[in-house]
Amino acid sequence: MNIPEKGQLKLADGQILDIYSPKKECFTLDNIAIGLAHNSRFHGQTTTMISVLWHSLKVHEECVRRGLPEWMCYQGLMHDAPEAFLQDISKMLKGDVYYRNGPAPVRDPMMNNPDVWSREQLEGHYWNLICDKYGIEREFAAEVKEVDAYMGMMEYEYHYGEGPTHFDSIVAEVPAGMGVAVSDTFFQASIFKNLVTKYEKLK
């Protein structure tokens, strides 16, 4: 049996991911789609489960609606791909999360020990590898950041009682097939993979 060791993660396709030395081969579309679809926003503390994959589709949808260039729409679609392997963490915690790969203490104020990774460092490393594999611009466009923040705010307001009754109504003119229910993770994954394949052909 192929059982992962400490510092490793077994993926849906059976591969073993070395968390601190990941290989691009592990970042398959299926692994990304499954990881994001089973990963809940807001630590799961909502009345209705919103997956990170659903959020990614909504960010992409809004990028398209605003008429952003294709490369930005592609970036918006994939912006949370590292979370398929590292999980979604609240912005309130990200700056305080460290990962230890060796005997060094988890908290290292100087952040100059190669055995200690901050969340931002590890997520950034994954992002760069995924960008290189799928032909995505590494540097986030300000427009994509704005859309991500906007959709996050809408999700937050809806789930904590301050937003519209139906979240799908936030984004006008939902394209055919994109008004997918938040619970339909299989359909979400299918849409996601089809979109990535389309953008890859445009490289």
N, C-alpha and C. Protein backbone atom coordinates (compact mmCIF):
# COMPACT_ATOMS: atom_id res chain seq x y z
N MET A 1 0.85 -1.20 0.00
CA MET A 1 0.00 0.00 0.00
C MET A 1 0.88 1.25 0.00
N ASN A 2 0.50 2.21 -0.84
CA ASN A 2 1.28 3.44 -0.98
C ASN A 2 0.80 4.46 0.06
N ILE A 3 1.43 4.42 1.23
CA ILE A 3 1.00 5.28 2.34
C ILE A 3 1.97 6.46 2.48
N PRO A 4 1.44 7.69 2.51
CA PRO A 4 2.32 8.86 2.64
C PRO A 4 2.98 8.94 4.00
N GLU A 5 4.16 9.54 4.04
CA GLU A 5 4.88 9.77 5.28
C GLU A 5 4.66 11.21 5.72
N LYS A 6 5.25 11.56 6.86
CA LYS A 6 5.13 12.94 7.33
C LYS A 6 5.69 13.89 6.29
N GLY A 7 4.97 14.97 6.02
CA GLY A 7 5.40 15.92 5.00
C GLY A 7 4.95 15.54 3.61
N GLN A 8 4.11 14.50 3.53
CA GLN A 8 3.58 14.07 2.24
C GLN A 8 2.06 14.05 2.28
N LEU A 9 1.47 14.01 1.09
CA LEU A 9 0.01 13.99 0.97
C LEU A 9 -0.35 13.05 -0.17
N LYS A 10 -1.26 12.14 0.08
CA LYS A 10 -1.73 11.25 -0.98
C LYS A 10 -2.84 11.95 -1.75
N LEU A 11 -2.72 11.96 -3.06
CA LEU A 11 -3.66 12.67 -3.91
C LEU A 11 -4.74 11.73 -4.45
N ALA A 12 -5.78 12.32 -5.01
CA ALA A 12 -6.92 11.54 -5.47
C ALA A 12 -6.54 10.52 -6.54
N ASP A 13 -5.53 10.84 -7.34
CA ASP A 13 -5.13 9.91 -8.41
C ASP A 13 -4.09 8.90 -7.94
N GLY A 14 -3.78 8.90 -6.64
CA GLY A 14 -2.86 7.93 -6.09
C GLY A 14 -1.43 8.40 -5.97
N GLN A 15 -1.09 9.55 -6.57
CA GLN A 15 0.26 10.08 -6.46
C GLN A 15 0.53 10.54 -5.02
N ILE A 16 1.81 10.56 -4.67
CA ILE A 16 2.23 11.09 -3.37
C ILE A 16 2.88 12.45 -3.60
N LEU A 17 2.32 13.46 -2.98
CA LEU A 17 2.85 14.82 -3.08
C LEU A 17 3.78 15.10 -1.92
N ASP A 18 5.02 15.47 -2.22
CA ASP A 18 5.95 15.95 -1.20
C ASP A 18 5.60 17.42 -0.97
N ILE A 19 5.04 17.72 0.17
CA ILE A 19 4.49 19.05 0.41
C ILE A 19 5.53 20.15 0.24
N TYR A 20 6.78 19.89 0.62
CA TYR A 20 7.79 20.93 0.56
C TYR A 20 8.64 20.89 -0.70
N SER A 21 8.51 19.83 -1.47
CA SER A 21 9.21 19.73 -2.76
C SER A 21 8.26 19.17 -3.81
N PRO A 22 7.18 19.90 -4.08
CA PRO A 22 6.16 19.37 -4.99
C PRO A 22 6.66 19.30 -6.43
N LYS A 23 6.17 18.30 -7.15
CA LYS A 23 6.49 18.15 -8.57
C LYS A 23 5.26 18.53 -9.39
N LYS A 24 5.50 19.15 -10.54
CA LYS A 24 4.41 19.61 -11.39
C LYS A 24 3.48 18.47 -11.80
N GLU A 25 4.04 17.26 -11.88
CA GLU A 25 3.24 16.11 -12.31
C GLU A 25 2.06 15.86 -11.37
N CYS A 26 2.19 16.31 -10.13
CA CYS A 26 1.11 16.10 -9.16
C CYS A 26 -0.07 17.04 -9.40
N PHE A 27 0.20 18.14 -10.10
CA PHE A 27 -0.83 19.16 -10.27
C PHE A 27 -1.67 18.90 -11.51
N THR A 28 -2.32 17.73 -11.53
CA THR A 28 -3.19 17.41 -12.65
C THR A 28 -4.51 18.16 -12.52
N LEU A 29 -5.23 18.29 -13.62
CA LEU A 29 -6.53 18.97 -13.57
C LEU A 29 -7.49 18.25 -12.64
N ASP A 30 -7.48 16.92 -12.68
CA ASP A 30 -8.38 16.17 -11.81
C ASP A 30 -8.06 16.41 -10.34
N ASN A 31 -6.78 16.40 -9.99
CA ASN A 31 -6.40 16.63 -8.59
C ASN A 31 -6.78 18.03 -8.14
N ILE A 32 -6.57 19.01 -9.02
CA ILE A 32 -6.94 20.39 -8.67
C ILE A 32 -8.44 20.51 -8.51
N ALA A 33 -9.19 19.99 -9.48
CA ALA A 33 -10.65 20.11 -9.44
C ALA A 33 -11.24 19.40 -8.22
N ILE A 34 -10.78 18.19 -7.95
CA ILE A 34 -11.30 17.45 -6.79
C ILE A 34 -10.95 18.15 -5.48
N GLY A 35 -9.70 18.60 -5.38
CA GLY A 35 -9.28 19.27 -4.16
C GLY A 35 -10.06 20.54 -3.88
N LEU A 36 -10.30 21.33 -4.92
CA LEU A 36 -11.06 22.58 -4.74
C LEU A 36 -12.53 22.31 -4.49
N ALA A 37 -13.08 21.29 -5.14
CA ALA A 37 -14.50 20.98 -4.98
C ALA A 37 -14.82 20.49 -3.57
N HIS A 38 -13.86 19.83 -2.93
CA HIS A 38 -14.07 19.30 -1.59
C HIS A 38 -13.54 20.22 -0.50
N ASN A 39 -13.16 21.42 -0.87
CA ASN A 39 -12.56 22.38 0.04
C ASN A 39 -13.57 23.50 0.30
N SER A 40 -13.94 23.70 1.54
CA SER A 40 -14.99 24.66 1.87
C SER A 40 -14.45 26.05 2.15
N ARG A 41 -15.18 27.04 1.68
CA ARG A 41 -14.86 28.43 2.01
C ARG A 41 -15.25 28.72 3.46
N PHE A 42 -14.61 29.73 4.05
CA PHE A 42 -14.94 30.20 5.40
C PHE A 42 -14.86 29.08 6.43
N HIS A 43 -13.92 28.15 6.24
CA HIS A 43 -13.71 27.05 7.18
C HIS A 43 -14.96 26.18 7.38
N GLY A 44 -15.88 26.24 6.41
CA GLY A 44 -17.10 25.44 6.52
C GLY A 44 -18.13 26.01 7.47
N GLN A 45 -17.89 27.20 8.04
CA GLN A 45 -18.78 27.78 9.03
C GLN A 45 -19.86 28.62 8.37
N THR A 46 -20.62 27.99 7.48
CA THR A 46 -21.71 28.66 6.77
C THR A 46 -22.92 27.74 6.75
N THR A 47 -24.09 28.31 6.51
CA THR A 47 -25.31 27.51 6.49
C THR A 47 -25.40 26.65 5.24
N THR A 48 -24.77 27.09 4.16
CA THR A 48 -24.72 26.33 2.91
C THR A 48 -23.26 26.20 2.51
N MET A 49 -22.83 25.00 2.16
CA MET A 49 -21.43 24.79 1.81
C MET A 49 -21.09 25.45 0.48
N ILE A 50 -20.06 26.30 0.49
CA ILE A 50 -19.53 26.89 -0.74
C ILE A 50 -18.14 26.34 -0.91
N SER A 51 -17.91 25.65 -2.02
CA SER A 51 -16.58 25.11 -2.27
C SER A 51 -15.68 26.18 -2.86
N VAL A 52 -14.39 25.99 -2.71
CA VAL A 52 -13.42 26.91 -3.32
C VAL A 52 -13.53 26.82 -4.85
N LEU A 53 -13.90 25.65 -5.36
CA LEU A 53 -14.07 25.50 -6.81
C LEU A 53 -15.23 26.35 -7.30
N TRP A 54 -16.33 26.34 -6.56
CA TRP A 54 -17.49 27.16 -6.95
C TRP A 54 -17.12 28.64 -6.92
N HIS A 55 -16.39 29.03 -5.89
CA HIS A 55 -15.90 30.41 -5.81
C HIS A 55 -15.03 30.75 -7.02
N SER A 56 -14.16 29.83 -7.40
CA SER A 56 -13.27 30.07 -8.55
C SER A 56 -14.06 30.25 -9.84
N LEU A 57 -15.11 29.45 -10.01
CA LEU A 57 -15.96 29.58 -11.19
C LEU A 57 -16.69 30.92 -11.19
N LYS A 58 -17.11 31.36 -10.03
CA LYS A 58 -17.80 32.64 -9.93
C LYS A 58 -16.85 33.82 -10.20
N VAL A 59 -15.61 33.70 -9.72
CA VAL A 59 -14.62 34.75 -10.02
C VAL A 59 -14.37 34.80 -11.52
N HIS A 60 -14.21 33.65 -12.13
CA HIS A 60 -14.02 33.60 -13.58
C HIS A 60 -15.22 34.20 -14.31
N GLU A 61 -16.41 33.83 -13.87
CA GLU A 61 -17.64 34.33 -14.48
C GLU A 61 -17.70 35.86 -14.43
N GLU A 62 -17.33 36.42 -13.29
CA GLU A 62 -17.36 37.87 -13.14
C GLU A 62 -16.28 38.54 -13.97
N CYS A 63 -15.11 37.90 -14.09
CA CYS A 63 -14.06 38.44 -14.96
C CYS A 63 -14.55 38.51 -16.40
N VAL A 64 -15.24 37.47 -16.84
CA VAL A 64 -15.78 37.44 -18.20
C VAL A 64 -16.84 38.52 -18.37
N ARG A 65 -17.72 38.64 -17.37
CA ARG A 65 -18.80 39.63 -17.43
C ARG A 65 -18.25 41.05 -17.54
N ARG A 66 -17.11 41.30 -16.89
CA ARG A 66 -16.52 42.64 -16.93
C ARG A 66 -15.70 42.87 -18.20
N GLY A 67 -15.58 41.86 -19.03
CA GLY A 67 -14.85 42.02 -20.28
C GLY A 67 -13.35 42.05 -20.12
N LEU A 68 -12.82 41.42 -19.07
CA LEU A 68 -11.38 41.40 -18.87
C LEU A 68 -10.71 40.52 -19.94
N PRO A 69 -9.44 40.77 -20.24
CA PRO A 69 -8.73 39.95 -21.23
C PRO A 69 -8.74 38.48 -20.84
N GLU A 70 -8.60 37.62 -21.84
CA GLU A 70 -8.68 36.18 -21.59
C GLU A 70 -7.66 35.70 -20.56
N TRP A 71 -6.45 36.28 -20.60
CA TRP A 71 -5.43 35.81 -19.66
C TRP A 71 -5.81 36.14 -18.22
N MET A 72 -6.53 37.24 -18.03
CA MET A 72 -6.99 37.58 -16.68
C MET A 72 -8.13 36.66 -16.26
N CYS A 73 -9.03 36.33 -17.19
CA CYS A 73 -10.12 35.41 -16.87
C CYS A 73 -9.55 34.05 -16.49
N TYR A 74 -8.53 33.61 -17.21
CA TYR A 74 -7.87 32.34 -16.92
C TYR A 74 -7.21 32.39 -15.54
N GLN A 75 -6.57 33.50 -15.24
CA GLN A 75 -5.95 33.67 -13.93
C GLN A 75 -7.00 33.66 -12.83
N GLY A 76 -8.13 34.31 -13.09
CA GLY A 76 -9.22 34.31 -12.12
C GLY A 76 -9.76 32.92 -11.87
N LEU A 77 -9.85 32.13 -12.91
CA LEU A 77 -10.33 30.75 -12.77
C LEU A 77 -9.40 29.92 -11.89
N MET A 78 -8.09 30.13 -12.04
CA MET A 78 -7.10 29.29 -11.38
C MET A 78 -6.50 29.92 -10.12
N HIS A 79 -6.99 31.07 -9.72
CA HIS A 79 -6.29 31.85 -8.69
C HIS A 79 -6.14 31.12 -7.35
N ASP A 80 -7.04 30.19 -7.06
CA ASP A 80 -6.96 29.47 -5.78
C ASP A 80 -6.47 28.03 -5.95
N ALA A 81 -5.89 27.71 -7.10
CA ALA A 81 -5.47 26.32 -7.36
C ALA A 81 -4.56 25.73 -6.27
N PRO A 82 -3.63 26.51 -5.69
CA PRO A 82 -2.80 25.92 -4.63
C PRO A 82 -3.60 25.37 -3.45
N GLU A 83 -4.80 25.93 -3.23
CA GLU A 83 -5.61 25.50 -2.10
C GLU A 83 -6.18 24.10 -2.30
N ALA A 84 -6.09 23.57 -3.52
CA ALA A 84 -6.49 22.18 -3.75
C ALA A 84 -5.61 21.23 -2.95
N PHE A 85 -4.40 21.69 -2.62
CA PHE A 85 -3.43 20.87 -1.91
C PHE A 85 -3.12 21.40 -0.50
N LEU A 86 -3.29 22.70 -0.31
CA LEU A 86 -2.93 23.33 0.96
C LEU A 86 -4.13 23.75 1.79
N GLN A 87 -5.34 23.61 1.22
CA GLN A 87 -6.59 23.98 1.88
C GLN A 87 -6.76 25.50 1.98
N ASP A 88 -8.02 25.88 2.03
CA ASP A 88 -8.35 27.29 2.18
C ASP A 88 -8.16 27.69 3.64
N ILE A 89 -7.50 28.80 3.86
CA ILE A 89 -7.30 29.32 5.22
C ILE A 89 -7.77 30.77 5.26
N SER A 90 -8.49 31.10 6.30
CA SER A 90 -9.00 32.46 6.45
C SER A 90 -7.87 33.47 6.41
N LYS A 91 -8.15 34.62 5.79
CA LYS A 91 -7.16 35.71 5.76
C LYS A 91 -6.78 36.14 7.16
N MET A 92 -7.66 35.90 8.12
CA MET A 92 -7.37 36.27 9.51
C MET A 92 -6.25 35.40 10.09
N LEU A 93 -5.99 34.23 9.47
CA LEU A 93 -5.00 33.31 9.98
C LEU A 93 -3.75 33.20 9.12
N LYS A 94 -3.87 33.52 7.84
CA LYS A 94 -2.79 33.24 6.90
C LYS A 94 -1.45 33.80 7.35
N GLY A 95 -1.45 35.01 7.86
CA GLY A 95 -0.19 35.63 8.26
C GLY A 95 0.45 35.00 9.47
N ASP A 96 -0.29 34.15 10.19
CA ASP A 96 0.23 33.54 11.41
C ASP A 96 0.47 32.04 11.28
N VAL A 97 0.34 31.51 10.06
CA VAL A 97 0.51 30.07 9.86
C VAL A 97 1.90 29.79 9.29
N TYR A 98 2.60 28.87 9.95
CA TYR A 98 3.94 28.47 9.50
C TYR A 98 3.98 26.95 9.37
N TYR A 99 4.85 26.49 8.49
CA TYR A 99 5.01 25.05 8.26
C TYR A 99 6.45 24.67 8.54
N ARG A 100 6.62 23.57 9.23
CA ARG A 100 7.95 23.12 9.61
C ARG A 100 8.34 21.89 8.78
N ASN A 101 9.51 21.96 8.17
CA ASN A 101 10.04 20.82 7.42
C ASN A 101 11.43 20.50 7.96
N GLY A 102 11.49 19.98 9.15
CA GLY A 102 12.78 19.71 9.77
C GLY A 102 12.76 20.05 11.24
N PRO A 103 13.91 20.16 11.87
CA PRO A 103 13.98 20.34 13.32
C PRO A 103 13.78 21.78 13.78
N ALA A 104 13.69 22.72 12.85
CA ALA A 104 13.57 24.12 13.25
C ALA A 104 12.24 24.39 13.95
N PRO A 105 12.18 25.40 14.82
CA PRO A 105 10.92 25.75 15.47
C PRO A 105 9.92 26.25 14.43
N VAL A 106 8.65 26.06 14.73
CA VAL A 106 7.61 26.47 13.78
C VAL A 106 7.61 27.98 13.61
N ARG A 107 7.74 28.71 14.68
CA ARG A 107 7.78 30.16 14.59
C ARG A 107 9.22 30.64 14.51
N ASP A 108 9.57 31.33 13.45
CA ASP A 108 10.92 31.84 13.24
C ASP A 108 10.81 33.31 12.87
N PRO A 109 10.96 34.21 13.85
CA PRO A 109 10.75 35.64 13.59
C PRO A 109 11.59 36.19 12.44
N MET A 110 12.77 35.63 12.22
CA MET A 110 13.63 36.15 11.15
C MET A 110 13.25 35.60 9.79
N MET A 111 12.49 34.53 9.77
CA MET A 111 12.05 33.89 8.54
C MET A 111 13.21 33.64 7.58
N ASN A 112 14.35 33.26 8.11
CA ASN A 112 15.52 32.99 7.27
C ASN A 112 16.01 31.56 7.43
N ASN A 113 15.17 30.71 7.99
CA ASN A 113 15.53 29.31 8.16
C ASN A 113 14.89 28.50 7.03
N PRO A 114 15.67 27.77 6.25
CA PRO A 114 15.10 27.04 5.12
C PRO A 114 14.13 25.94 5.51
N ASP A 115 14.12 25.58 6.81
CA ASP A 115 13.20 24.55 7.27
C ASP A 115 11.84 25.10 7.68
N VAL A 116 11.67 26.41 7.60
CA VAL A 116 10.41 27.03 8.00
C VAL A 116 9.81 27.78 6.81
N TRP A 117 8.56 27.49 6.51
CA TRP A 117 7.85 28.17 5.43
C TRP A 117 6.67 28.93 6.02
N SER A 118 6.47 30.17 5.60
CA SER A 118 5.23 30.85 5.94
C SER A 118 4.16 30.35 4.98
N ARG A 119 2.91 30.56 5.32
CA ARG A 119 1.82 30.15 4.43
C ARG A 119 1.97 30.83 3.07
N GLU A 120 2.29 32.13 3.08
CA GLU A 120 2.42 32.87 1.84
C GLU A 120 3.55 32.32 0.97
N GLN A 121 4.65 31.93 1.59
CA GLN A 121 5.77 31.39 0.83
C GLN A 121 5.41 30.06 0.18
N LEU A 122 4.78 29.19 0.94
CA LEU A 122 4.44 27.87 0.42
C LEU A 122 3.37 27.98 -0.67
N GLU A 123 2.36 28.79 -0.42
CA GLU A 123 1.30 28.97 -1.41
C GLU A 123 1.85 29.62 -2.68
N GLY A 124 2.75 30.58 -2.50
CA GLY A 124 3.36 31.24 -3.66
C GLY A 124 4.20 30.27 -4.49
N HIS A 125 4.89 29.35 -3.82
CA HIS A 125 5.69 28.36 -4.52
C HIS A 125 4.80 27.45 -5.36
N TYR A 126 3.70 27.00 -4.78
CA TYR A 126 2.75 26.16 -5.52
C TYR A 126 2.16 26.94 -6.70
N TRP A 127 1.81 28.18 -6.45
CA TRP A 127 1.22 29.01 -7.50
C TRP A 127 2.17 29.13 -8.68
N ASN A 128 3.43 29.38 -8.43
CA ASN A 128 4.40 29.52 -9.52
C ASN A 128 4.52 28.24 -10.34
N LEU A 129 4.55 27.10 -9.66
CA LEU A 129 4.64 25.82 -10.37
C LEU A 129 3.39 25.56 -11.22
N ILE A 130 2.23 25.87 -10.66
CA ILE A 130 0.98 25.67 -11.40
C ILE A 130 0.91 26.62 -12.59
N CYS A 131 1.34 27.85 -12.39
CA CYS A 131 1.36 28.81 -13.50
C CYS A 131 2.25 28.32 -14.63
N ASP A 132 3.42 27.82 -14.28
CA ASP A 132 4.35 27.33 -15.30
C ASP A 132 3.78 26.12 -16.04
N LYS A 133 3.08 25.27 -15.32
CA LYS A 133 2.52 24.06 -15.93
C LYS A 133 1.37 24.38 -16.88
N TYR A 134 0.54 25.36 -16.51
CA TYR A 134 -0.67 25.63 -17.28
C TYR A 134 -0.63 26.93 -18.08
N GLY A 135 0.51 27.59 -18.09
CA GLY A 135 0.63 28.79 -18.91
C GLY A 135 -0.16 29.98 -18.39
N ILE A 136 -0.10 30.21 -17.09
CA ILE A 136 -0.82 31.31 -16.46
C ILE A 136 0.19 32.38 -16.07
N GLU A 137 -0.22 33.64 -16.14
CA GLU A 137 0.65 34.73 -15.70
C GLU A 137 0.84 34.63 -14.18
N ARG A 138 2.10 34.64 -13.74
CA ARG A 138 2.37 34.54 -12.30
C ARG A 138 1.90 35.76 -11.53
N GLU A 139 2.17 36.93 -12.07
CA GLU A 139 1.85 38.18 -11.38
C GLU A 139 0.36 38.45 -11.47
N PHE A 140 -0.29 38.54 -10.30
CA PHE A 140 -1.74 38.75 -10.31
C PHE A 140 -2.09 40.15 -10.81
N ALA A 141 -3.05 40.18 -11.72
CA ALA A 141 -3.56 41.45 -12.22
C ALA A 141 -4.40 42.11 -11.13
N ALA A 142 -4.30 43.43 -11.03
CA ALA A 142 -5.08 44.15 -10.03
C ALA A 142 -6.57 43.92 -10.25
N GLU A 143 -6.98 43.79 -11.51
CA GLU A 143 -8.39 43.57 -11.82
C GLU A 143 -8.88 42.23 -11.27
N VAL A 144 -8.03 41.21 -11.34
CA VAL A 144 -8.40 39.89 -10.82
C VAL A 144 -8.49 39.93 -9.30
N LYS A 145 -7.56 40.61 -8.67
CA LYS A 145 -7.61 40.75 -7.21
C LYS A 145 -8.90 41.44 -6.78
N GLU A 146 -9.30 42.45 -7.55
CA GLU A 146 -10.51 43.19 -7.21
C GLU A 146 -11.74 42.31 -7.34
N VAL A 147 -11.80 41.51 -8.40
CA VAL A 147 -12.93 40.60 -8.59
C VAL A 147 -12.97 39.56 -7.48
N ASP A 148 -11.83 39.01 -7.12
CA ASP A 148 -11.76 38.02 -6.05
C ASP A 148 -12.27 38.62 -4.74
N ALA A 149 -11.84 39.82 -4.43
CA ALA A 149 -12.28 40.49 -3.20
C ALA A 149 -13.78 40.77 -3.25
N TYR A 150 -14.27 41.19 -4.40
CA TYR A 150 -15.69 41.49 -4.57
C TYR A 150 -16.54 40.24 -4.35
N MET A 151 -16.15 39.13 -4.99
CA MET A 151 -16.92 37.91 -4.84
C MET A 151 -16.84 37.38 -3.40
N GLY A 152 -15.68 37.51 -2.79
CA GLY A 152 -15.55 37.09 -1.40
C GLY A 152 -16.46 37.88 -0.48
N MET A 153 -16.56 39.19 -0.74
CA MET A 153 -17.43 40.04 0.06
C MET A 153 -18.89 39.64 -0.12
N MET A 154 -19.28 39.36 -1.38
CA MET A 154 -20.66 38.96 -1.64
C MET A 154 -20.99 37.64 -0.95
N GLU A 155 -20.06 36.70 -1.01
CA GLU A 155 -20.26 35.41 -0.33
C GLU A 155 -20.41 35.62 1.18
N TYR A 156 -19.53 36.43 1.73
CA TYR A 156 -19.54 36.69 3.17
C TYR A 156 -20.87 37.33 3.60
N GLU A 157 -21.28 38.34 2.87
CA GLU A 157 -22.51 39.04 3.24
C GLU A 157 -23.72 38.12 3.12
N TYR A 158 -23.73 37.28 2.08
CA TYR A 158 -24.85 36.37 1.92
C TYR A 158 -24.93 35.36 3.06
N HIS A 159 -23.82 34.74 3.38
CA HIS A 159 -23.83 33.67 4.36
C HIS A 159 -23.96 34.15 5.79
N TYR A 160 -23.63 35.41 6.04
CA TYR A 160 -23.75 35.89 7.41
C TYR A 160 -24.90 36.88 7.56
N GLY A 161 -25.88 36.77 6.66
CA GLY A 161 -27.16 37.44 6.86
C GLY A 161 -27.30 38.86 6.39
N GLU A 162 -26.35 39.35 5.58
CA GLU A 162 -26.43 40.75 5.17
C GLU A 162 -26.57 40.92 3.67
N GLY A 163 -26.60 39.80 2.94
CA GLY A 163 -26.60 39.89 1.49
C GLY A 163 -27.94 39.55 0.88
N PRO A 164 -27.98 39.40 -0.44
CA PRO A 164 -29.22 39.09 -1.15
C PRO A 164 -29.72 37.70 -0.82
N THR A 165 -30.98 37.44 -1.11
CA THR A 165 -31.58 36.16 -0.77
C THR A 165 -30.97 35.03 -1.58
N HIS A 166 -30.72 35.26 -2.85
CA HIS A 166 -30.17 34.22 -3.72
C HIS A 166 -28.81 34.68 -4.23
N PHE A 167 -27.77 33.94 -3.85
CA PHE A 167 -26.42 34.37 -4.22
C PHE A 167 -26.22 34.38 -5.72
N ASP A 168 -26.87 33.47 -6.46
CA ASP A 168 -26.71 33.43 -7.91
C ASP A 168 -27.18 34.72 -8.56
N SER A 169 -28.01 35.49 -7.85
CA SER A 169 -28.52 36.73 -8.44
C SER A 169 -27.49 37.85 -8.37
N ILE A 170 -26.38 37.64 -7.66
CA ILE A 170 -25.36 38.67 -7.55
C ILE A 170 -24.74 38.97 -8.89
N VAL A 171 -24.46 37.92 -9.66
CA VAL A 171 -23.83 38.08 -10.96
C VAL A 171 -24.90 38.05 -12.04
N ALA A 172 -25.04 39.14 -12.76
CA ALA A 172 -26.07 39.23 -13.79
C ALA A 172 -25.70 38.37 -15.00
N GLU A 173 -26.73 37.99 -15.76
CA GLU A 173 -26.52 37.27 -17.01
C GLU A 173 -25.63 36.05 -16.84
N VAL A 174 -26.05 35.11 -16.02
CA VAL A 174 -25.28 33.89 -15.82
C VAL A 174 -25.27 33.09 -17.12
N PRO A 175 -24.09 32.78 -17.69
CA PRO A 175 -24.04 32.03 -18.94
C PRO A 175 -24.67 30.65 -18.78
N ALA A 176 -25.16 30.10 -19.86
CA ALA A 176 -25.78 28.79 -19.83
C ALA A 176 -24.83 27.78 -19.22
N GLY A 177 -25.32 27.03 -18.23
CA GLY A 177 -24.50 26.00 -17.61
C GLY A 177 -23.65 26.49 -16.46
N MET A 178 -23.57 27.81 -16.27
CA MET A 178 -22.70 28.33 -15.22
C MET A 178 -23.46 28.63 -13.94
N GLY A 179 -24.77 28.63 -14.00
CA GLY A 179 -25.55 28.88 -12.79
C GLY A 179 -25.68 27.59 -12.00
N VAL A 180 -24.57 26.93 -11.78
CA VAL A 180 -24.56 25.62 -11.15
C VAL A 180 -24.79 25.73 -9.65
N ALA A 181 -25.53 24.80 -9.11
CA ALA A 181 -25.80 24.80 -7.67
C ALA A 181 -24.51 24.62 -6.89
N VAL A 182 -24.45 25.23 -5.73
CA VAL A 182 -23.23 25.15 -4.93
C VAL A 182 -22.93 23.73 -4.48
N SER A 183 -23.94 22.87 -4.46
CA SER A 183 -23.75 21.50 -4.00
C SER A 183 -23.34 20.53 -5.11
N ASP A 184 -23.44 20.97 -6.36
CA ASP A 184 -23.18 20.07 -7.49
C ASP A 184 -21.70 20.09 -7.83
N THR A 185 -20.88 19.43 -7.01
CA THR A 185 -19.44 19.48 -7.19
C THR A 185 -18.97 18.76 -8.45
N PHE A 186 -19.68 17.70 -8.86
CA PHE A 186 -19.30 16.98 -10.08
C PHE A 186 -19.42 17.89 -11.29
N PHE A 187 -20.52 18.62 -11.37
CA PHE A 187 -20.74 19.55 -12.49
C PHE A 187 -19.72 20.69 -12.44
N GLN A 188 -19.44 21.18 -11.24
CA GLN A 188 -18.44 22.24 -11.09
C GLN A 188 -17.10 21.78 -11.64
N ALA A 189 -16.68 20.57 -11.28
CA ALA A 189 -15.39 20.04 -11.72
C ALA A 189 -15.35 19.90 -13.22
N SER A 190 -16.45 19.47 -13.81
CA SER A 190 -16.51 19.30 -15.26
C SER A 190 -16.37 20.64 -15.98
N ILE A 191 -17.07 21.66 -15.50
CA ILE A 191 -16.98 23.00 -16.09
C ILE A 191 -15.56 23.53 -15.96
N PHE A 192 -15.00 23.38 -14.78
CA PHE A 192 -13.65 23.87 -14.50
C PHE A 192 -12.64 23.26 -15.46
N LYS A 193 -12.66 21.95 -15.60
CA LYS A 193 -11.68 21.27 -16.46
C LYS A 193 -11.86 21.65 -17.92
N ASN A 194 -13.10 21.81 -18.35
CA ASN A 194 -13.35 22.23 -19.73
C ASN A 194 -12.82 23.64 -19.99
N LEU A 195 -12.99 24.52 -19.02
CA LEU A 195 -12.50 25.89 -19.18
C LEU A 195 -10.97 25.93 -19.23
N VAL A 196 -10.32 25.19 -18.34
CA VAL A 196 -8.86 25.16 -18.34
C VAL A 196 -8.35 24.62 -19.67
N THR A 197 -8.97 23.57 -20.18
CA THR A 197 -8.56 22.98 -21.46
C THR A 197 -8.71 24.01 -22.58
N LYS A 198 -9.78 24.78 -22.53
CA LYS A 198 -10.00 25.82 -23.55
C LYS A 198 -8.90 26.87 -23.49
N TYR A 199 -8.57 27.33 -22.29
CA TYR A 199 -7.54 28.35 -22.17
C TYR A 199 -6.15 27.83 -22.54
N GLU A 200 -5.89 26.57 -22.23
CA GLU A 200 -4.59 25.99 -22.60
C GLU A 200 -4.39 26.00 -24.11
N LYS A 201 -5.47 25.82 -24.84
CA LYS A 201 -5.37 25.80 -26.31
C LYS A 201 -5.08 27.19 -26.88
N LEU A 202 -5.31 28.20 -26.06
CA LEU A 202 -5.10 29.58 -26.52
C LEU A 202 -3.67 30.06 -26.28
N LYS A 203 -2.88 29.23 -25.57
CA LYS A 203 -1.51 29.64 -25.21
C LYS A 203 -0.66 29.82 -26.45
